C-alpha atoms as a PDB file:
ATOM      1  CA  MET A   1     242.377  98.272 167.236  1.00  0.00           C
ATOM      2  CA  ALA A   2     245.070  97.239 169.778  1.00  0.00           C
ATOM      3  CA  ILE A   3     248.037  97.078 167.422  1.00  0.00           C
ATOM      4  CA  HIS A   4     247.280 100.528 165.958  1.00  0.00           C
ATOM      5  CA  ALA A   5     247.327 102.024 169.367  1.00  0.00           C
ATOM      6  CA  LEU A   6     250.534 100.341 170.398  1.00  0.00           C
ATOM      7  CA  LEU A   7     252.250 101.128 167.100  1.00  0.00           C
ATOM      8  CA  LYS A   8     251.407 104.818 167.578  1.00  0.00           C
ATOM      9  CA  GLU A   9     252.726 104.625 171.091  1.00  0.00           C
ATOM     10  CA  GLU A  10     256.016 103.060 169.767  1.00  0.00           C
ATOM     11  CA  SER A  11     256.411 105.755 167.183  1.00  0.00           C
ATOM     12  CA  ALA A  12     255.849 108.504 169.814  1.00  0.00           C
ATOM     13  CA  VAL A  13     258.769 107.205 172.065  1.00  0.00           C
ATOM     14  CA  GLN A  14     260.770 106.528 168.982  1.00  0.00           C
ATOM     15  CA  THR A  15     262.380 103.312 170.427  1.00  0.00           C
ATOM     16  CA  THR A  16     261.971 101.608 167.101  1.00  0.00           C
ATOM     17  CA  ALA A  17     261.347 102.905 163.642  1.00  0.00           C
ATOM     18  CA  PHE A  18     258.875 100.766 161.756  1.00  0.00           C
ATOM     19  CA  ASN A  19     258.480 101.796 158.191  1.00  0.00           C
ATOM     20  CA  PRO A  20     255.146 101.598 156.382  1.00  0.00           C
ATOM     21  CA  ASP A  21     255.845  98.079 154.954  1.00  0.00           C
ATOM     22  CA  ASP A  22     256.834  96.897 158.537  1.00  0.00           C
ATOM     23  CA  MET A  23     253.643  98.302 159.933  1.00  0.00           C
ATOM     24  CA  LYS A  24     251.514  96.506 157.242  1.00  0.00           C
ATOM     25  CA  ALA A  25     253.373  93.278 158.157  1.00  0.00           C
ATOM     26  CA  LEU A  26     252.767  93.672 161.803  1.00  0.00           C
ATOM     27  CA  VAL A  27     249.079  94.348 161.313  1.00  0.00           C
ATOM     28  CA  ALA A  28     248.676  91.373 159.010  1.00  0.00           C
ATOM     29  CA  ALA A  29     250.376  89.172 161.614  1.00  0.00           C
ATOM     30  CA  PHE A  30     248.139  90.673 164.449  1.00  0.00           C
ATOM     31  CA  GLU A  31     244.942  90.026 162.488  1.00  0.00           C
ATOM     32  CA  ASP A  32     245.999  86.498 161.382  1.00  0.00           C
ATOM     33  CA  ALA A  33     247.182  85.590 164.974  1.00  0.00           C
ATOM     34  CA  CYS A  34     243.815  86.899 166.529  1.00  0.00           C
ATOM     35  CA  ASN A  35     241.887  85.064 164.083  1.00  0.00           C
ATOM     36  CA  ARG A  36     243.653  81.785 164.518  1.00  0.00           C
ATOM     37  CA  LEU A  37     243.574  82.105 168.306  1.00  0.00           C
ATOM     38  CA  LYS A  38     239.807  83.089 168.128  1.00  0.00           C
ATOM     39  CA  VAL A  39     240.275  86.606 169.677  1.00  0.00           C
ATOM     40  CA  HIS A  40     237.248  88.280 168.298  1.00  0.00           C
ATOM     41  CA  ASP A  41     237.357  91.456 170.461  1.00  0.00           C
ATOM     42  CA  ARG A  42     240.339  93.482 169.237  1.00  0.00           C
ATOM     43  CA  GLN A  43     240.305  95.615 172.334  1.00  0.00           C
ATOM     44  CA  SER A  44     240.419  92.702 174.846  1.00  0.00           C
ATOM     45  CA  ALA A  45     243.364  91.987 177.082  1.00  0.00           C
ATOM     46  CA  MET A  46     244.485  88.985 175.041  1.00  0.00           C
ATOM     47  CA  ALA A  47     244.449  91.137 171.833  1.00  0.00           C
ATOM     48  CA  PHE A  48     246.798  93.597 173.361  1.00  0.00           C
ATOM     49  CA  LEU A  49     249.043  90.693 174.641  1.00  0.00           C
ATOM     50  CA  ILE A  50     249.114  89.433 171.135  1.00  0.00           C
ATOM     51  CA  ALA A  51     249.961  92.964 169.680  1.00  0.00           C
ATOM     52  CA  ARG A  52     252.597  93.624 172.329  1.00  0.00           C
ATOM     53  CA  THR A  53     254.102  90.208 171.588  1.00  0.00           C
ATOM     54  CA  ILE A  54     254.249  90.827 167.887  1.00  0.00           C
ATOM     55  CA  ILE A  55     255.924  94.327 168.293  1.00  0.00           C
ATOM     56  CA  GLN A  56     258.374  92.810 170.634  1.00  0.00           C
ATOM     57  CA  ILE A  57     259.286  90.110 168.130  1.00  0.00           C
ATOM     58  CA  ALA A  58     259.479  92.730 165.250  1.00  0.00           C
ATOM     59  CA  LYS A  59     261.820  94.771 167.487  1.00  0.00           C
ATOM     60  CA  GLU A  60     264.129  91.840 167.630  1.00  0.00           C
ATOM     61  CA  GLY A  61     264.254  91.904 163.802  1.00  0.00           C
ATOM     62  CA  GLU A  62     261.512  89.676 162.587  1.00  0.00           C
ATOM     63  CA  ARG A  63     259.344  91.382 159.929  1.00  0.00           C
ATOM     64  CA  ASN A  64     257.684  88.486 158.054  1.00  0.00           C
ATOM     65  CA  PRO A  65     254.058  88.271 158.932  1.00  0.00           C
ATOM     66  CA  GLU A  66     253.820  84.542 158.533  1.00  0.00           C
ATOM     67  CA  ARG A  67     256.857  83.853 160.840  1.00  0.00           C
ATOM     68  CA  LEU A  68     255.455  86.616 163.351  1.00  0.00           C
ATOM     69  CA  THR A  69     252.021  84.711 163.439  1.00  0.00           C
ATOM     70  CA  GLN A  70     253.690  81.398 164.025  1.00  0.00           C
ATOM     71  CA  ARG A  71     255.615  82.604 166.835  1.00  0.00           C
ATOM     72  CA  VAL A  72     252.660  84.136 168.591  1.00  0.00           C
ATOM     73  CA  ILE A  73     250.558  81.120 167.995  1.00  0.00           C
ATOM     74  CA  ALA A  74     253.349  78.898 169.516  1.00  0.00           C
ATOM     75  CA  LEU A  75     253.294  81.051 172.558  1.00  0.00           C
ATOM     76  CA  TYR A  76     249.618  81.433 173.202  1.00  0.00           C
ATOM     77  CA  ARG A  77     247.819  78.420 171.434  1.00  0.00           C
ATOM     78  CA  ASN A  78     247.057  76.610 174.629  1.00  0.00           C
ATOM     79  CA  ARG A  79     246.228  79.795 176.696  1.00  0.00           C
ATOM     80  CA  THR A  80     242.675  79.910 177.835  1.00  0.00           C
ATOM     81  CA  VAL A  81     240.781  82.650 176.109  1.00  0.00           C
ATOM     82  CA  ASP A  82     237.751  84.273 177.365  1.00  0.00           C
ATOM     83  CA  PRO A  83     234.853  83.344 174.890  1.00  0.00           C
ATOM     84  CA  ARG A  84     233.498  86.834 174.954  1.00  0.00           C
ATOM     85  CA  SER A  85     236.929  88.154 173.477  1.00  0.00           C
END
């Protein structure tokens, strides 16, 4: 899953410390955003873009999964998504 790999990468470089509750919030936001944007393939480029965006927003201080999802939806809702993803 895209977000798990990116979170592991983040923890390896130790640029941001996400605690277990933060990680649950980020994964929940990722899943919700992917579902709402109809991104079914969690390994697609769009899924990685969503994951990176969620992580970046979280680095800026947002940890609420609903607000994370809303911000990602606002950014990508009109973006063309490959129907195979």
